[in-house]
Amino acid sequence: MTPSAVITEVRQLIQDTRVTYRYSDIVLLGFINQIIKRMVVIRPDLFSVIADISTTANVVLQSTPTDSLRLVEIFQVKNGDAITEVSRDTLDQTYPGWVNEPSGFPVNFMRHVRNPNKFFVYPRPSSGVVLVGEYVQIPSDYGLSDTIGIPNAYLPAIVDGTIYLAESVDNEHVNSGRAKMYQESFMRNLDVGLQARVITDTEQGGLEPKQVI
């Protein structure tokens, strides 16, 4: 799926297919990039990546990469052992001296509850330690021929969102309700995909054990 493919669908639906376009490709590309940025916030799960996360040596507080919206998980030290998530409150209460332990290879990580792009590790990493983790990546702006890094099934959502922005520019379409209609369709498409995860991503189709017959 590329922005060019999205633009082709958008032009058909807004009847902008004449030689002299109402909206140029560059304008529509700007709308597409805006919509994708909104999708990152609404459905961050669609933009998660598994990648190396470099650490700062000898400190317990670490940061995700600069293109991160939020941390999802830390899995392991690269080429090393797994890292287990624990509660920082519990560790602080049971062993307050953990922050002063000698540096080495982390065995635990803790989320920073007030900053989704920060996390703590125990023990603090020695120089050169790299972690393998998952985080929500904010994509750079796409060009017309770039591949949009989410499943093709979300093409209709991007089309609807782009039309919503395009029609919002025109007061006539705002007054007629077309912009609002496409905005609602955009949100529904994203919401339905999220609801489907209950069926596909949990045991017994999302039913609690007591509900299984």
N, C-alpha and C. Protein backbone atom coordinates (compact mmCIF):
# COMPACT_ATOMS: atom_id res chain seq x y z
N MET A 1 0.85 -1.19 0.00
CA MET A 1 0.00 0.00 0.00
C MET A 1 0.89 1.24 0.00
N THR A 2 0.66 2.11 -0.95
CA THR A 2 1.43 3.36 -1.07
C THR A 2 0.47 4.56 -1.03
N PRO A 3 0.97 5.75 -0.71
CA PRO A 3 0.12 6.93 -0.80
C PRO A 3 -0.49 7.13 -2.18
N SER A 4 0.23 6.76 -3.23
CA SER A 4 -0.32 6.89 -4.58
C SER A 4 -1.57 6.04 -4.74
N ALA A 5 -1.55 4.82 -4.19
CA ALA A 5 -2.73 3.95 -4.26
C ALA A 5 -3.89 4.55 -3.47
N VAL A 6 -3.60 5.14 -2.32
CA VAL A 6 -4.64 5.80 -1.53
C VAL A 6 -5.24 6.96 -2.32
N ILE A 7 -4.38 7.75 -2.94
CA ILE A 7 -4.85 8.92 -3.69
C ILE A 7 -5.76 8.51 -4.84
N THR A 8 -5.43 7.41 -5.51
CA THR A 8 -6.29 6.92 -6.60
C THR A 8 -7.70 6.64 -6.09
N GLU A 9 -7.81 5.97 -4.94
CA GLU A 9 -9.12 5.66 -4.37
C GLU A 9 -9.83 6.94 -3.91
N VAL A 10 -9.07 7.84 -3.31
CA VAL A 10 -9.66 9.09 -2.82
C VAL A 10 -10.25 9.89 -3.97
N ARG A 11 -9.52 10.00 -5.06
CA ARG A 11 -10.00 10.80 -6.20
C ARG A 11 -11.31 10.24 -6.77
N GLN A 12 -11.43 8.93 -6.78
CA GLN A 12 -12.67 8.33 -7.28
C GLN A 12 -13.85 8.71 -6.39
N LEU A 13 -13.63 8.68 -5.09
CA LEU A 13 -14.73 8.90 -4.15
C LEU A 13 -15.11 10.38 -4.02
N ILE A 14 -14.16 11.27 -4.24
CA ILE A 14 -14.50 12.70 -4.15
C ILE A 14 -14.71 13.29 -5.55
N GLN A 15 -14.71 12.42 -6.56
CA GLN A 15 -14.96 12.84 -7.95
C GLN A 15 -13.99 13.94 -8.38
N ASP A 16 -12.73 13.67 -8.11
CA ASP A 16 -11.68 14.61 -8.49
C ASP A 16 -10.75 13.91 -9.49
N THR A 17 -11.30 13.54 -10.63
CA THR A 17 -10.56 12.73 -11.60
C THR A 17 -10.32 13.46 -12.92
N ARG A 18 -10.68 14.73 -13.01
CA ARG A 18 -10.46 15.47 -14.25
C ARG A 18 -8.99 15.84 -14.38
N VAL A 19 -8.64 16.31 -15.57
CA VAL A 19 -7.24 16.65 -15.84
C VAL A 19 -6.74 17.72 -14.88
N THR A 20 -7.57 18.74 -14.63
CA THR A 20 -7.22 19.77 -13.66
C THR A 20 -7.81 19.37 -12.31
N TYR A 21 -6.95 18.85 -11.43
CA TYR A 21 -7.42 18.34 -10.14
C TYR A 21 -7.81 19.48 -9.20
N ARG A 22 -8.81 19.19 -8.38
CA ARG A 22 -9.18 20.13 -7.32
C ARG A 22 -8.12 20.13 -6.22
N TYR A 23 -7.61 18.94 -5.94
CA TYR A 23 -6.54 18.78 -4.95
C TYR A 23 -5.34 18.15 -5.65
N SER A 24 -4.18 18.75 -5.52
CA SER A 24 -2.97 18.19 -6.11
C SER A 24 -2.54 16.94 -5.34
N ASP A 25 -1.67 16.14 -5.97
CA ASP A 25 -1.14 14.97 -5.28
C ASP A 25 -0.41 15.37 -4.00
N ILE A 26 0.29 16.50 -4.04
CA ILE A 26 1.06 16.93 -2.87
C ILE A 26 0.12 17.29 -1.71
N VAL A 27 -0.99 17.96 -2.03
CA VAL A 27 -1.95 18.31 -0.98
C VAL A 27 -2.56 17.04 -0.38
N LEU A 28 -2.96 16.10 -1.23
CA LEU A 28 -3.55 14.85 -0.72
C LEU A 28 -2.51 14.04 0.06
N LEU A 29 -1.26 14.08 -0.38
CA LEU A 29 -0.20 13.38 0.36
C LEU A 29 -0.06 13.98 1.76
N GLY A 30 -0.19 15.29 1.87
CA GLY A 30 -0.15 15.92 3.18
C GLY A 30 -1.28 15.45 4.07
N PHE A 31 -2.48 15.32 3.50
CA PHE A 31 -3.62 14.80 4.27
C PHE A 31 -3.35 13.36 4.72
N ILE A 32 -2.79 12.55 3.84
CA ILE A 32 -2.49 11.15 4.19
C ILE A 32 -1.52 11.09 5.36
N ASN A 33 -0.47 11.89 5.31
CA ASN A 33 0.51 11.87 6.40
C ASN A 33 -0.10 12.36 7.71
N GLN A 34 -1.02 13.33 7.62
CA GLN A 34 -1.73 13.77 8.83
C GLN A 34 -2.56 12.63 9.42
N ILE A 35 -3.28 11.93 8.56
CA ILE A 35 -4.15 10.85 9.02
C ILE A 35 -3.34 9.73 9.65
N ILE A 36 -2.21 9.41 9.05
CA ILE A 36 -1.38 8.33 9.60
C ILE A 36 -0.85 8.73 10.99
N LYS A 37 -0.50 10.01 11.16
CA LYS A 37 -0.06 10.46 12.49
C LYS A 37 -1.21 10.32 13.50
N ARG A 38 -2.43 10.59 13.07
CA ARG A 38 -3.58 10.42 13.97
C ARG A 38 -3.80 8.95 14.29
N MET A 39 -3.57 8.09 13.30
CA MET A 39 -3.74 6.67 13.52
C MET A 39 -2.74 6.13 14.54
N VAL A 40 -1.53 6.69 14.56
CA VAL A 40 -0.53 6.25 15.53
C VAL A 40 -1.05 6.46 16.95
N VAL A 41 -1.73 7.59 17.17
CA VAL A 41 -2.24 7.90 18.50
C VAL A 41 -3.46 7.05 18.84
N ILE A 42 -4.34 6.84 17.85
CA ILE A 42 -5.58 6.10 18.09
C ILE A 42 -5.34 4.61 18.17
N ARG A 43 -4.49 4.09 17.27
CA ARG A 43 -4.20 2.65 17.22
C ARG A 43 -2.69 2.42 17.24
N PRO A 44 -2.05 2.68 18.37
CA PRO A 44 -0.60 2.51 18.42
C PRO A 44 -0.14 1.09 18.14
N ASP A 45 -1.02 0.12 18.38
CA ASP A 45 -0.64 -1.28 18.14
C ASP A 45 -0.30 -1.56 16.68
N LEU A 46 -0.83 -0.75 15.75
CA LEU A 46 -0.55 -0.95 14.33
C LEU A 46 0.86 -0.52 13.95
N PHE A 47 1.52 0.21 14.82
CA PHE A 47 2.80 0.80 14.46
C PHE A 47 3.94 0.32 15.36
N SER A 48 3.74 -0.80 16.05
CA SER A 48 4.79 -1.30 16.93
C SER A 48 5.87 -2.02 16.13
N VAL A 49 7.11 -1.84 16.55
CA VAL A 49 8.25 -2.49 15.90
C VAL A 49 9.11 -3.14 16.97
N ILE A 50 9.78 -4.22 16.59
CA ILE A 50 10.75 -4.87 17.46
C ILE A 50 12.13 -4.48 16.95
N ALA A 51 12.94 -3.90 17.82
CA ALA A 51 14.22 -3.34 17.37
C ALA A 51 15.21 -3.31 18.53
N ASP A 52 16.46 -3.07 18.18
CA ASP A 52 17.49 -2.87 19.19
C ASP A 52 17.27 -1.52 19.88
N ILE A 53 17.49 -1.50 21.18
CA ILE A 53 17.39 -0.27 21.96
C ILE A 53 18.70 -0.08 22.69
N SER A 54 19.45 0.92 22.28
CA SER A 54 20.73 1.21 22.93
C SER A 54 20.49 1.75 24.34
N THR A 55 21.45 1.53 25.21
CA THR A 55 21.32 2.02 26.59
C THR A 55 22.42 3.03 26.90
N THR A 56 22.15 3.83 27.91
CA THR A 56 23.16 4.74 28.45
C THR A 56 23.84 4.04 29.62
N ALA A 57 25.14 3.95 29.56
CA ALA A 57 25.87 3.17 30.57
C ALA A 57 25.78 3.81 31.95
N ASN A 58 25.67 2.94 32.94
CA ASN A 58 25.81 3.31 34.35
C ASN A 58 24.69 4.17 34.90
N VAL A 59 23.53 4.18 34.26
CA VAL A 59 22.36 4.85 34.82
C VAL A 59 21.17 3.89 34.76
N VAL A 60 20.26 4.02 35.71
CA VAL A 60 19.12 3.10 35.74
C VAL A 60 17.99 3.57 34.84
N LEU A 61 17.87 4.89 34.63
CA LEU A 61 16.78 5.43 33.80
C LEU A 61 17.22 5.47 32.34
N GLN A 62 16.45 4.78 31.49
CA GLN A 62 16.78 4.66 30.08
C GLN A 62 15.65 5.26 29.23
N SER A 63 15.95 5.49 27.95
CA SER A 63 14.99 6.09 27.03
C SER A 63 14.80 5.20 25.81
N THR A 64 13.60 5.24 25.25
CA THR A 64 13.34 4.58 23.98
C THR A 64 13.93 5.43 22.85
N PRO A 65 14.02 4.91 21.63
CA PRO A 65 14.55 5.69 20.52
C PRO A 65 13.74 6.97 20.27
N THR A 66 14.34 7.91 19.57
CA THR A 66 13.72 9.23 19.38
C THR A 66 12.45 9.17 18.54
N ASP A 67 12.26 8.10 17.76
CA ASP A 67 11.04 8.00 16.94
C ASP A 67 9.94 7.21 17.65
N SER A 68 10.06 7.07 18.95
CA SER A 68 9.11 6.26 19.72
C SER A 68 7.96 7.10 20.27
N LEU A 69 6.75 6.56 20.17
CA LEU A 69 5.59 7.15 20.84
C LEU A 69 5.48 6.62 22.26
N ARG A 70 5.76 5.32 22.44
CA ARG A 70 5.71 4.73 23.76
C ARG A 70 6.36 3.35 23.75
N LEU A 71 6.85 2.94 24.88
CA LEU A 71 7.42 1.61 25.05
C LEU A 71 6.31 0.56 25.13
N VAL A 72 6.54 -0.57 24.49
CA VAL A 72 5.61 -1.69 24.60
C VAL A 72 6.19 -2.77 25.52
N GLU A 73 7.43 -3.18 25.25
CA GLU A 73 8.01 -4.31 25.99
C GLU A 73 9.52 -4.30 25.82
N ILE A 74 10.21 -4.81 26.83
CA ILE A 74 11.63 -5.13 26.73
C ILE A 74 11.74 -6.65 26.84
N PHE A 75 12.41 -7.27 25.86
CA PHE A 75 12.46 -8.72 25.82
C PHE A 75 13.74 -9.31 26.42
N GLN A 76 14.88 -8.75 26.04
CA GLN A 76 16.13 -9.39 26.43
C GLN A 76 17.30 -8.44 26.21
N VAL A 77 18.43 -8.84 26.77
CA VAL A 77 19.70 -8.24 26.37
C VAL A 77 20.06 -8.85 25.02
N LYS A 78 20.50 -8.04 24.07
CA LYS A 78 20.83 -8.57 22.76
C LYS A 78 21.92 -9.63 22.88
N ASN A 79 21.63 -10.80 22.30
CA ASN A 79 22.53 -11.96 22.36
C ASN A 79 22.74 -12.44 23.80
N GLY A 80 21.76 -12.11 24.65
CA GLY A 80 21.89 -12.50 26.05
C GLY A 80 20.58 -13.02 26.62
N ASP A 81 20.44 -12.89 27.92
CA ASP A 81 19.31 -13.47 28.64
C ASP A 81 18.06 -12.59 28.55
N ALA A 82 16.94 -13.21 28.90
CA ALA A 82 15.67 -12.50 28.93
C ALA A 82 15.66 -11.49 30.07
N ILE A 83 14.83 -10.45 29.91
CA ILE A 83 14.63 -9.43 30.93
C ILE A 83 13.18 -9.50 31.38
N THR A 84 12.96 -9.51 32.68
CA THR A 84 11.63 -9.65 33.25
C THR A 84 11.12 -8.31 33.75
N GLU A 85 9.87 -8.01 33.46
CA GLU A 85 9.27 -6.79 33.97
C GLU A 85 8.87 -6.96 35.43
N VAL A 86 9.20 -5.97 36.27
CA VAL A 86 8.82 -5.99 37.68
C VAL A 86 8.25 -4.63 38.05
N SER A 87 7.70 -4.53 39.24
CA SER A 87 7.15 -3.28 39.75
C SER A 87 8.24 -2.46 40.42
N ARG A 88 8.40 -1.21 40.00
CA ARG A 88 9.42 -0.36 40.64
C ARG A 88 9.06 -0.06 42.08
N ASP A 89 7.77 0.14 42.36
CA ASP A 89 7.35 0.39 43.74
C ASP A 89 7.76 -0.75 44.66
N THR A 90 7.53 -1.98 44.19
CA THR A 90 7.88 -3.14 45.00
C THR A 90 9.39 -3.22 45.21
N LEU A 91 10.15 -3.00 44.14
CA LEU A 91 11.61 -3.06 44.27
C LEU A 91 12.12 -1.96 45.18
N ASP A 92 11.54 -0.75 45.06
CA ASP A 92 11.96 0.36 45.93
C ASP A 92 11.72 0.04 47.39
N GLN A 93 10.58 -0.60 47.68
CA GLN A 93 10.21 -0.88 49.07
C GLN A 93 11.01 -2.04 49.66
N THR A 94 11.28 -3.04 48.85
CA THR A 94 11.95 -4.24 49.37
C THR A 94 13.47 -4.15 49.30
N TYR A 95 13.97 -3.35 48.35
CA TYR A 95 15.42 -3.24 48.20
C TYR A 95 15.77 -1.86 47.64
N PRO A 96 15.67 -0.82 48.49
CA PRO A 96 15.89 0.54 48.01
C PRO A 96 17.30 0.79 47.47
N GLY A 97 18.24 -0.05 47.81
CA GLY A 97 19.60 0.15 47.33
C GLY A 97 19.86 -0.38 45.93
N TRP A 98 18.80 -0.84 45.24
CA TRP A 98 19.01 -1.44 43.92
C TRP A 98 19.62 -0.45 42.92
N VAL A 99 19.32 0.84 43.11
CA VAL A 99 19.83 1.85 42.16
C VAL A 99 21.34 2.01 42.25
N ASN A 100 21.94 1.53 43.33
CA ASN A 100 23.38 1.69 43.52
C ASN A 100 24.17 0.41 43.26
N GLU A 101 23.48 -0.62 42.80
CA GLU A 101 24.16 -1.87 42.47
C GLU A 101 25.18 -1.65 41.35
N PRO A 102 26.28 -2.40 41.35
CA PRO A 102 27.25 -2.26 40.26
C PRO A 102 26.60 -2.53 38.90
N SER A 103 27.13 -1.91 37.88
CA SER A 103 26.58 -2.08 36.54
C SER A 103 26.88 -3.47 36.01
N GLY A 104 26.06 -3.89 35.05
CA GLY A 104 26.21 -5.22 34.45
C GLY A 104 25.17 -5.40 33.37
N PHE A 105 24.69 -6.63 33.22
CA PHE A 105 23.64 -6.92 32.25
C PHE A 105 22.28 -6.89 32.97
N PRO A 106 21.36 -6.04 32.55
CA PRO A 106 20.06 -5.95 33.23
C PRO A 106 19.30 -7.28 33.20
N VAL A 107 18.60 -7.53 34.31
CA VAL A 107 17.74 -8.71 34.39
C VAL A 107 16.27 -8.32 34.58
N ASN A 108 16.03 -7.06 34.98
CA ASN A 108 14.67 -6.56 35.17
C ASN A 108 14.51 -5.20 34.51
N PHE A 109 13.26 -4.92 34.08
CA PHE A 109 12.95 -3.55 33.65
C PHE A 109 11.66 -3.12 34.30
N MET A 110 11.49 -1.82 34.47
CA MET A 110 10.31 -1.24 35.10
C MET A 110 9.87 -0.04 34.27
N ARG A 111 8.58 0.10 34.10
CA ARG A 111 8.05 1.24 33.34
C ARG A 111 8.10 2.52 34.16
N HIS A 112 8.26 3.61 33.47
CA HIS A 112 8.12 4.93 34.10
C HIS A 112 6.66 5.33 33.91
N VAL A 113 5.88 5.28 34.98
CA VAL A 113 4.44 5.43 34.85
C VAL A 113 4.02 6.82 34.38
N ARG A 114 4.90 7.80 34.51
CA ARG A 114 4.56 9.17 34.10
C ARG A 114 5.20 9.56 32.77
N ASN A 115 5.96 8.65 32.18
CA ASN A 115 6.62 8.95 30.90
C ASN A 115 6.68 7.66 30.08
N PRO A 116 5.86 7.54 29.03
CA PRO A 116 5.80 6.29 28.28
C PRO A 116 7.05 5.98 27.48
N ASN A 117 7.97 6.94 27.36
CA ASN A 117 9.20 6.72 26.61
C ASN A 117 10.43 6.56 27.50
N LYS A 118 10.20 6.38 28.79
CA LYS A 118 11.29 6.14 29.73
C LYS A 118 11.05 4.80 30.45
N PHE A 119 12.13 4.16 30.86
CA PHE A 119 12.00 2.93 31.65
C PHE A 119 13.26 2.76 32.49
N PHE A 120 13.13 1.95 33.53
CA PHE A 120 14.26 1.68 34.44
C PHE A 120 14.75 0.26 34.21
N VAL A 121 16.04 0.05 34.44
CA VAL A 121 16.59 -1.30 34.36
C VAL A 121 17.39 -1.60 35.62
N TYR A 122 17.40 -2.88 35.96
CA TYR A 122 18.18 -3.36 37.11
C TYR A 122 18.92 -4.63 36.72
N PRO A 123 20.22 -4.67 36.98
CA PRO A 123 21.05 -3.54 37.41
C PRO A 123 21.29 -2.56 36.27
N ARG A 124 21.86 -1.41 36.58
CA ARG A 124 22.16 -0.44 35.52
C ARG A 124 23.13 -1.06 34.52
N PRO A 125 23.00 -0.73 33.26
CA PRO A 125 23.79 -1.42 32.24
C PRO A 125 25.24 -0.93 32.21
N SER A 126 26.11 -1.87 31.91
CA SER A 126 27.50 -1.50 31.66
C SER A 126 27.62 -0.95 30.24
N SER A 127 28.78 -0.47 29.89
CA SER A 127 28.99 0.15 28.59
C SER A 127 28.73 -0.83 27.45
N GLY A 128 28.00 -0.35 26.42
CA GLY A 128 27.80 -1.15 25.22
C GLY A 128 26.63 -2.12 25.28
N VAL A 129 25.88 -2.13 26.36
CA VAL A 129 24.74 -3.04 26.46
C VAL A 129 23.61 -2.57 25.53
N VAL A 130 23.10 -3.49 24.73
CA VAL A 130 21.98 -3.20 23.83
C VAL A 130 20.83 -4.14 24.20
N LEU A 131 19.63 -3.60 24.25
CA LEU A 131 18.45 -4.39 24.57
C LEU A 131 17.65 -4.65 23.30
N VAL A 132 16.86 -5.71 23.34
CA VAL A 132 15.90 -5.97 22.28
C VAL A 132 14.52 -5.71 22.86
N GLY A 133 13.77 -4.81 22.23
CA GLY A 133 12.46 -4.44 22.77
C GLY A 133 11.47 -4.12 21.68
N GLU A 134 10.29 -3.75 22.10
CA GLU A 134 9.22 -3.37 21.18
C GLU A 134 8.71 -2.00 21.59
N TYR A 135 8.53 -1.13 20.61
CA TYR A 135 7.97 0.18 20.90
C TYR A 135 7.11 0.64 19.72
N VAL A 136 6.25 1.62 19.99
CA VAL A 136 5.40 2.18 18.94
C VAL A 136 6.19 3.25 18.21
N GLN A 137 6.40 3.03 16.93
CA GLN A 137 7.26 3.91 16.13
C GLN A 137 6.41 4.95 15.39
N ILE A 138 6.77 6.21 15.56
CA ILE A 138 6.12 7.28 14.81
C ILE A 138 6.75 7.33 13.43
N PRO A 139 5.99 7.05 12.37
CA PRO A 139 6.61 7.02 11.04
C PRO A 139 6.97 8.41 10.55
N SER A 140 8.05 8.47 9.77
CA SER A 140 8.37 9.70 9.07
C SER A 140 7.33 9.94 7.99
N ASP A 141 7.25 11.16 7.49
CA ASP A 141 6.31 11.45 6.41
C ASP A 141 6.63 10.59 5.19
N TYR A 142 5.59 10.04 4.59
CA TYR A 142 5.75 9.18 3.42
C TYR A 142 5.79 10.00 2.15
N GLY A 143 6.54 9.51 1.17
CA GLY A 143 6.48 10.02 -0.19
C GLY A 143 5.42 9.28 -0.97
N LEU A 144 5.14 9.74 -2.17
CA LEU A 144 4.05 9.15 -2.96
C LEU A 144 4.25 7.67 -3.24
N SER A 145 5.48 7.23 -3.41
CA SER A 145 5.75 5.85 -3.79
C SER A 145 6.23 4.99 -2.63
N ASP A 146 6.29 5.55 -1.43
CA ASP A 146 6.75 4.78 -0.27
C ASP A 146 5.70 3.77 0.15
N THR A 147 6.15 2.68 0.74
CA THR A 147 5.23 1.68 1.27
C THR A 147 4.81 2.07 2.69
N ILE A 148 3.52 2.16 2.92
CA ILE A 148 2.99 2.48 4.25
C ILE A 148 3.08 1.22 5.10
N GLY A 149 3.73 1.33 6.24
CA GLY A 149 4.08 0.15 7.01
C GLY A 149 3.00 -0.39 7.93
N ILE A 150 1.79 -0.49 7.46
CA ILE A 150 0.72 -1.16 8.21
C ILE A 150 -0.01 -2.08 7.24
N PRO A 151 -0.81 -3.05 7.74
CA PRO A 151 -1.46 -4.00 6.85
C PRO A 151 -2.35 -3.33 5.80
N ASN A 152 -2.39 -3.93 4.61
CA ASN A 152 -3.20 -3.39 3.52
C ASN A 152 -4.68 -3.33 3.87
N ALA A 153 -5.10 -4.12 4.85
CA ALA A 153 -6.51 -4.11 5.25
C ALA A 153 -6.95 -2.75 5.76
N TYR A 154 -6.01 -1.90 6.14
CA TYR A 154 -6.35 -0.57 6.65
C TYR A 154 -6.35 0.50 5.56
N LEU A 155 -6.25 0.08 4.30
CA LEU A 155 -6.38 1.03 3.19
C LEU A 155 -7.69 1.81 3.26
N PRO A 156 -8.86 1.14 3.46
CA PRO A 156 -10.11 1.90 3.53
C PRO A 156 -10.12 2.94 4.65
N ALA A 157 -9.49 2.64 5.77
CA ALA A 157 -9.46 3.60 6.87
C ALA A 157 -8.65 4.84 6.48
N ILE A 158 -7.52 4.63 5.84
CA ILE A 158 -6.69 5.76 5.41
C ILE A 158 -7.42 6.56 4.34
N VAL A 159 -8.11 5.88 3.43
CA VAL A 159 -8.89 6.57 2.40
C VAL A 159 -9.98 7.42 3.05
N ASP A 160 -10.73 6.83 3.98
CA ASP A 160 -11.80 7.57 4.65
C ASP A 160 -11.25 8.78 5.41
N GLY A 161 -10.14 8.58 6.10
CA GLY A 161 -9.56 9.68 6.85
C GLY A 161 -9.07 10.81 5.95
N THR A 162 -8.48 10.43 4.82
CA THR A 162 -7.99 11.43 3.87
C THR A 162 -9.16 12.23 3.28
N ILE A 163 -10.24 11.53 2.95
CA ILE A 163 -11.42 12.22 2.42
C ILE A 163 -12.01 13.15 3.48
N TYR A 164 -12.02 12.70 4.71
CA TYR A 164 -12.52 13.56 5.80
C TYR A 164 -11.76 14.89 5.84
N LEU A 165 -10.43 14.84 5.74
CA LEU A 165 -9.66 16.07 5.76
C LEU A 165 -9.89 16.89 4.51
N ALA A 166 -9.95 16.21 3.36
CA ALA A 166 -10.15 16.93 2.09
C ALA A 166 -11.50 17.64 2.07
N GLU A 167 -12.54 16.94 2.49
CA GLU A 167 -13.88 17.52 2.48
C GLU A 167 -14.03 18.59 3.55
N SER A 168 -13.25 18.50 4.61
CA SER A 168 -13.31 19.52 5.66
C SER A 168 -12.81 20.87 5.18
N VAL A 169 -11.99 20.86 4.14
CA VAL A 169 -11.48 22.11 3.58
C VAL A 169 -12.59 22.91 2.91
N ASP A 170 -13.59 22.19 2.40
CA ASP A 170 -14.68 22.80 1.62
C ASP A 170 -15.90 22.98 2.52
N ASN A 171 -16.31 24.21 2.76
CA ASN A 171 -17.46 24.47 3.63
C ASN A 171 -18.71 23.76 3.14
N GLU A 172 -18.86 23.64 1.82
CA GLU A 172 -20.05 23.00 1.27
C GLU A 172 -20.16 21.56 1.78
N HIS A 173 -19.02 20.86 1.77
CA HIS A 173 -19.06 19.46 2.20
C HIS A 173 -19.18 19.33 3.71
N VAL A 174 -18.63 20.31 4.44
CA VAL A 174 -18.83 20.30 5.89
C VAL A 174 -20.31 20.47 6.20
N ASN A 175 -20.95 21.41 5.51
CA ASN A 175 -22.37 21.66 5.75
C ASN A 175 -23.24 20.49 5.31
N SER A 176 -22.82 19.79 4.27
CA SER A 176 -23.62 18.67 3.78
C SER A 176 -23.46 17.41 4.63
N GLY A 177 -22.45 17.40 5.49
CA GLY A 177 -22.23 16.24 6.36
C GLY A 177 -21.29 15.21 5.80
N ARG A 178 -20.75 15.41 4.59
CA ARG A 178 -19.85 14.41 4.01
C ARG A 178 -18.56 14.26 4.82
N ALA A 179 -18.02 15.38 5.26
CA ALA A 179 -16.79 15.30 6.05
C ALA A 179 -17.02 14.50 7.33
N LYS A 180 -18.11 14.78 8.01
CA LYS A 180 -18.43 14.07 9.25
C LYS A 180 -18.67 12.60 8.99
N MET A 181 -19.33 12.27 7.87
CA MET A 181 -19.60 10.88 7.53
C MET A 181 -18.30 10.10 7.35
N TYR A 182 -17.34 10.69 6.66
CA TYR A 182 -16.07 9.99 6.44
C TYR A 182 -15.23 9.96 7.71
N GLN A 183 -15.34 10.97 8.54
CA GLN A 183 -14.65 10.93 9.83
C GLN A 183 -15.16 9.77 10.67
N GLU A 184 -16.47 9.61 10.72
CA GLU A 184 -17.06 8.53 11.51
C GLU A 184 -16.68 7.17 10.94
N SER A 185 -16.65 7.06 9.61
CA SER A 185 -16.25 5.80 8.99
C SER A 185 -14.80 5.48 9.30
N PHE A 186 -13.94 6.49 9.28
CA PHE A 186 -12.53 6.32 9.63
C PHE A 186 -12.40 5.78 11.05
N MET A 187 -13.11 6.37 11.99
CA MET A 187 -13.02 5.93 13.39
C MET A 187 -13.59 4.54 13.57
N ARG A 188 -14.70 4.23 12.87
CA ARG A 188 -15.29 2.89 12.99
C ARG A 188 -14.34 1.82 12.49
N ASN A 189 -13.69 2.09 11.36
CA ASN A 189 -12.74 1.11 10.81
C ASN A 189 -11.64 0.78 11.81
N LEU A 190 -11.13 1.79 12.48
CA LEU A 190 -10.08 1.56 13.46
C LEU A 190 -10.61 0.84 14.69
N ASP A 191 -11.81 1.18 15.11
CA ASP A 191 -12.40 0.57 16.30
C ASP A 191 -12.74 -0.89 16.06
N VAL A 192 -13.27 -1.21 14.89
CA VAL A 192 -13.62 -2.60 14.59
C VAL A 192 -12.37 -3.48 14.61
N GLY A 193 -11.27 -2.97 14.05
CA GLY A 193 -10.03 -3.73 14.07
C GLY A 193 -9.56 -4.02 15.48
N LEU A 194 -9.75 -3.06 16.37
CA LEU A 194 -9.35 -3.25 17.76
C LEU A 194 -10.23 -4.27 18.45
N GLN A 195 -11.55 -4.20 18.20
CA GLN A 195 -12.47 -5.15 18.82
C GLN A 195 -12.20 -6.58 18.35
N ALA A 196 -11.76 -6.73 17.10
CA ALA A 196 -11.50 -8.07 16.57
C ALA A 196 -10.36 -8.76 17.30
N ARG A 197 -9.49 -8.00 17.92
CA ARG A 197 -8.36 -8.60 18.62
C ARG A 197 -8.82 -9.44 19.81
N VAL A 198 -9.98 -9.11 20.37
CA VAL A 198 -10.52 -9.91 21.47
C VAL A 198 -10.79 -11.33 20.99
N ILE A 199 -11.21 -11.46 19.74
CA ILE A 199 -11.52 -12.77 19.17
C ILE A 199 -10.25 -13.52 18.76
N THR A 200 -9.32 -12.80 18.14
CA THR A 200 -8.16 -13.47 17.55
C THR A 200 -6.96 -13.61 18.48
N ASP A 201 -6.85 -12.74 19.47
CA ASP A 201 -5.61 -12.69 20.26
C ASP A 201 -5.74 -13.29 21.66
N THR A 202 -6.88 -13.88 22.00
CA THR A 202 -7.05 -14.47 23.31
C THR A 202 -7.57 -15.89 23.19
N GLU A 203 -7.37 -16.67 24.22
CA GLU A 203 -7.84 -18.05 24.22
C GLU A 203 -9.36 -18.10 24.16
N GLN A 204 -9.88 -19.12 23.48
CA GLN A 204 -11.33 -19.36 23.40
C GLN A 204 -12.09 -18.16 22.85
N GLY A 205 -11.46 -17.46 21.88
CA GLY A 205 -12.16 -16.35 21.23
C GLY A 205 -12.51 -15.22 22.16
N GLY A 206 -11.68 -15.01 23.19
CA GLY A 206 -11.89 -13.87 24.07
C GLY A 206 -12.83 -14.16 25.22
N LEU A 207 -13.34 -15.37 25.35
CA LEU A 207 -14.27 -15.68 26.44
C LEU A 207 -13.50 -16.01 27.72
N GLU A 208 -14.05 -15.58 28.82
CA GLU A 208 -13.51 -15.98 30.11
C GLU A 208 -13.77 -17.47 30.31
N PRO A 209 -12.94 -18.16 31.11
CA PRO A 209 -13.14 -19.61 31.31
C PRO A 209 -14.56 -19.98 31.72
N LYS A 210 -15.19 -19.17 32.55
CA LYS A 210 -16.55 -19.49 32.99
C LYS A 210 -17.59 -19.34 31.88
N GLN A 211 -17.19 -18.63 30.79
CA GLN A 211 -18.13 -18.44 29.71
C GLN A 211 -18.05 -19.56 28.67
N VAL A 212 -16.96 -20.33 28.72
CA VAL A 212 -16.77 -21.38 27.72
C VAL A 212 -17.71 -22.54 28.00
N ILE A 213 -18.45 -22.94 26.98
CA ILE A 213 -19.39 -24.06 27.16
C ILE A 213 -18.72 -25.35 26.73
